[in-house]
Amino acid sequence: MMLRWLLLALFFGVCLSTGEQKKKKVKPQSLSRGWGESINWVKTYTEGLEKMVKSQKPLMVIHHRGNCSFSKALKKAFAADKSIQKMAKEDFIMVNLVEEPTDKNMAPDGYYVPRILFVDPSKTVRAEIVGKYNNRRYTYKPEDMETLADNMKKAKRLLHAEL
């Protein structure tokens, strides 16, 4: 008899804990996806283009994959670099994409990841703003944060020179 009560109590305990687990809300993933929580990220490339035109700030587009070791390494370096985080927050419309946009201009030399491109408010992809590598012109490695910061400054200068 005692064993029945023990099993019954155990059964109710499991049922109650399962019910509590179902009530917990799963927190949706932040739009930053780990690239910088203080940055105001846009959800889509299209939304980024719209905000860019309204704000007259350049758009910085980061293409990456969640399961790519190169993307993960770049994300960590990007998020840790205070000067890049500051410029991204203040001077750019920011989007990080795990899905490829339909705009073919977003892949001037291929669909590899990670790659970072800049778009000016006239919706022109600034193909001349490149990283260090000839075979993948828009890729950056964790040790290239200074080059990326310089390219962000270049994107800002180009915009202001054209206004």
Protein backbone atom coordinates (compact mmCIF):
# COMPACT_ATOMS: atom_id res chain seq x y z
CA MET A 1 0.00 0.00 0.00
CA MET A 2 2.81 2.35 0.90
CA LEU A 3 4.49 1.67 -2.46
CA ARG A 4 1.30 2.70 -4.30
CA TRP A 5 1.18 6.02 -2.47
CA LEU A 6 4.84 6.62 -3.20
CA LEU A 7 4.36 5.87 -6.91
CA LEU A 8 1.25 8.06 -7.01
CA ALA A 9 3.12 10.96 -5.35
CA LEU A 10 6.02 10.50 -7.76
CA PHE A 11 3.63 10.49 -10.74
CA PHE A 12 1.98 13.76 -9.61
CA GLY A 13 5.37 15.33 -9.00
CA VAL A 14 6.49 14.52 -12.53
CA CYS A 15 3.23 15.80 -14.00
CA LEU A 16 3.46 19.06 -12.08
CA SER A 17 7.07 19.69 -13.06
CA THR A 18 6.24 18.98 -16.71
CA GLY A 19 3.41 21.50 -16.54
CA GLU A 20 5.74 24.11 -15.06
CA GLN A 21 8.28 23.55 -17.83
CA LYS A 22 5.60 24.10 -20.47
CA LYS A 23 4.66 27.42 -18.87
CA LYS A 24 8.21 28.78 -19.18
CA LYS A 25 8.47 31.03 -22.18
CA VAL A 26 11.35 30.52 -24.53
CA LYS A 27 13.14 33.82 -24.98
CA PRO A 28 13.35 34.67 -28.68
CA GLN A 29 16.82 35.09 -30.09
CA SER A 30 17.98 38.69 -30.22
CA LEU A 31 18.47 40.25 -33.64
CA SER A 32 22.12 40.74 -32.68
CA ARG A 33 22.73 36.98 -32.81
CA GLY A 34 25.80 37.71 -30.67
CA TRP A 35 27.30 40.45 -32.87
CA GLY A 36 26.64 43.22 -30.32
CA GLU A 37 23.70 43.62 -27.97
CA SER A 38 23.92 47.43 -27.76
CA ILE A 39 23.54 47.86 -31.54
CA ASN A 40 20.08 48.53 -33.00
CA TRP A 41 19.84 45.73 -35.56
CA VAL A 42 17.25 45.58 -38.31
CA LYS A 43 15.55 42.29 -39.03
CA THR A 44 15.86 42.09 -42.82
CA TYR A 45 17.91 43.46 -45.68
CA THR A 46 14.80 45.21 -47.05
CA GLU A 47 14.15 46.89 -43.69
CA GLY A 48 17.80 47.94 -43.61
CA LEU A 49 17.52 49.56 -47.03
CA GLU A 50 14.41 51.48 -45.94
CA LYS A 51 16.00 52.73 -42.70
CA MET A 52 19.21 53.59 -44.53
CA VAL A 53 17.38 55.84 -47.02
CA LYS A 54 15.44 57.59 -44.24
CA SER A 55 18.44 58.07 -41.94
CA GLN A 56 21.04 58.73 -44.67
CA LYS A 57 23.43 56.44 -42.81
CA PRO A 58 25.27 53.68 -44.67
CA LEU A 59 24.06 50.10 -44.31
CA MET A 60 26.53 47.48 -43.09
CA VAL A 61 25.51 43.96 -44.08
CA ILE A 62 27.11 40.99 -42.32
CA HIS A 63 26.53 37.63 -44.00
CA HIS A 64 27.23 34.66 -41.71
CA ARG A 65 26.13 31.18 -40.69
CA GLY A 66 25.47 30.03 -37.14
CA ASN A 67 27.29 26.74 -37.63
CA CYS A 68 30.35 28.18 -39.44
CA SER A 69 33.51 28.27 -37.33
CA PHE A 70 34.87 31.25 -39.32
CA SER A 71 31.62 33.20 -38.73
CA LYS A 72 31.72 32.37 -35.01
CA ALA A 73 35.33 33.54 -34.70
CA LEU A 74 34.61 36.79 -36.54
CA LYS A 75 31.48 37.40 -34.44
CA LYS A 76 33.48 37.05 -31.23
CA ALA A 77 36.15 39.53 -32.39
CA PHE A 78 33.52 41.95 -33.76
CA ALA A 79 31.53 41.92 -30.51
CA ALA A 80 34.67 42.44 -28.41
CA ASP A 81 36.01 45.43 -30.36
CA LYS A 82 34.76 48.58 -28.62
CA SER A 83 35.55 50.99 -31.49
CA ILE A 84 33.72 48.82 -34.03
CA GLN A 85 30.76 48.44 -31.69
CA LYS A 86 30.61 52.21 -31.17
CA MET A 87 30.71 52.99 -34.91
CA ALA A 88 28.18 50.26 -35.68
CA LYS A 89 25.81 51.66 -33.08
CA GLU A 90 26.18 55.33 -33.97
CA ASP A 91 27.06 55.58 -37.65
CA PHE A 92 25.44 52.66 -39.49
CA ILE A 93 22.22 50.85 -40.08
CA MET A 94 23.17 47.29 -39.16
CA VAL A 95 21.88 43.93 -40.34
CA ASN A 96 23.35 40.47 -39.91
CA LEU A 97 21.95 37.86 -42.22
CA VAL A 98 21.96 34.09 -42.06
CA GLU A 99 19.77 33.99 -45.17
CA GLU A 100 20.97 35.34 -48.50
CA PRO A 101 19.04 38.34 -49.83
CA THR A 102 17.78 38.13 -53.39
CA ASP A 103 19.85 41.18 -54.37
CA LYS A 104 22.67 39.76 -56.52
CA ASN A 105 24.76 42.85 -55.71
CA MET A 106 25.20 41.42 -52.21
CA ALA A 107 27.51 38.74 -53.65
CA PRO A 108 29.92 40.59 -55.94
CA ASP A 109 32.48 37.79 -55.73
CA GLY A 110 30.46 34.87 -54.42
CA TYR A 111 28.14 33.59 -51.69
CA TYR A 112 30.75 32.68 -49.07
CA VAL A 113 30.54 33.49 -45.37
CA PRO A 114 31.46 35.45 -43.48
CA ARG A 115 31.44 38.52 -45.67
CA ILE A 116 30.70 42.17 -44.92
CA LEU A 117 29.48 44.69 -47.45
CA PHE A 118 28.58 48.36 -47.24
CA VAL A 119 25.65 50.01 -49.04
CA ASP A 120 25.22 53.76 -49.37
CA PRO A 121 21.82 55.55 -49.15
CA SER A 122 21.54 55.60 -52.96
CA LYS A 123 21.32 51.79 -52.56
CA THR A 124 24.70 51.31 -54.20
CA VAL A 125 26.82 48.45 -52.89
CA ARG A 126 30.25 49.93 -52.29
CA ALA A 127 32.22 47.15 -53.95
CA GLU A 128 35.47 49.12 -53.59
CA ILE A 129 35.44 48.72 -49.80
CA VAL A 130 37.24 45.41 -49.43
CA GLY A 131 39.18 43.42 -46.87
CA LYS A 132 42.70 42.01 -47.23
CA TYR A 133 42.07 38.86 -49.25
CA ASN A 134 42.10 38.65 -53.05
CA ASN A 135 40.16 35.39 -53.26
CA ARG A 136 37.37 36.55 -50.94
CA ARG A 137 37.41 40.31 -51.06
CA TYR A 138 34.69 40.98 -48.48
CA THR A 139 35.75 38.55 -45.78
CA TYR A 140 37.43 39.47 -42.52
CA LYS A 141 39.19 37.30 -39.97
CA PRO A 142 39.33 38.01 -36.23
CA GLU A 143 42.79 39.53 -36.65
CA ASP A 144 41.41 41.99 -39.25
CA MET A 145 39.41 44.22 -36.91
CA GLU A 146 41.66 47.20 -37.62
CA THR A 147 41.04 46.78 -41.37
CA LEU A 148 37.30 46.50 -40.74
CA ALA A 149 37.34 49.65 -38.57
CA ASP A 150 39.23 51.49 -41.31
CA ASN A 151 36.66 50.31 -43.88
CA MET A 152 33.82 51.49 -41.68
CA LYS A 153 35.48 54.92 -41.51
CA LYS A 154 35.93 54.83 -45.29
CA ALA A 155 32.22 54.05 -45.79
CA LYS A 156 31.32 57.06 -43.60
CA ARG A 157 33.75 59.35 -45.48
CA LEU A 158 32.41 58.27 -48.87
CA LEU A 159 28.89 59.06 -47.77
CA HIS A 160 29.78 62.51 -46.45
CA ALA A 161 31.89 63.32 -49.53
CA GLU A 162 28.90 62.54 -51.77
CA LEU A 163 26.35 64.57 -49.79
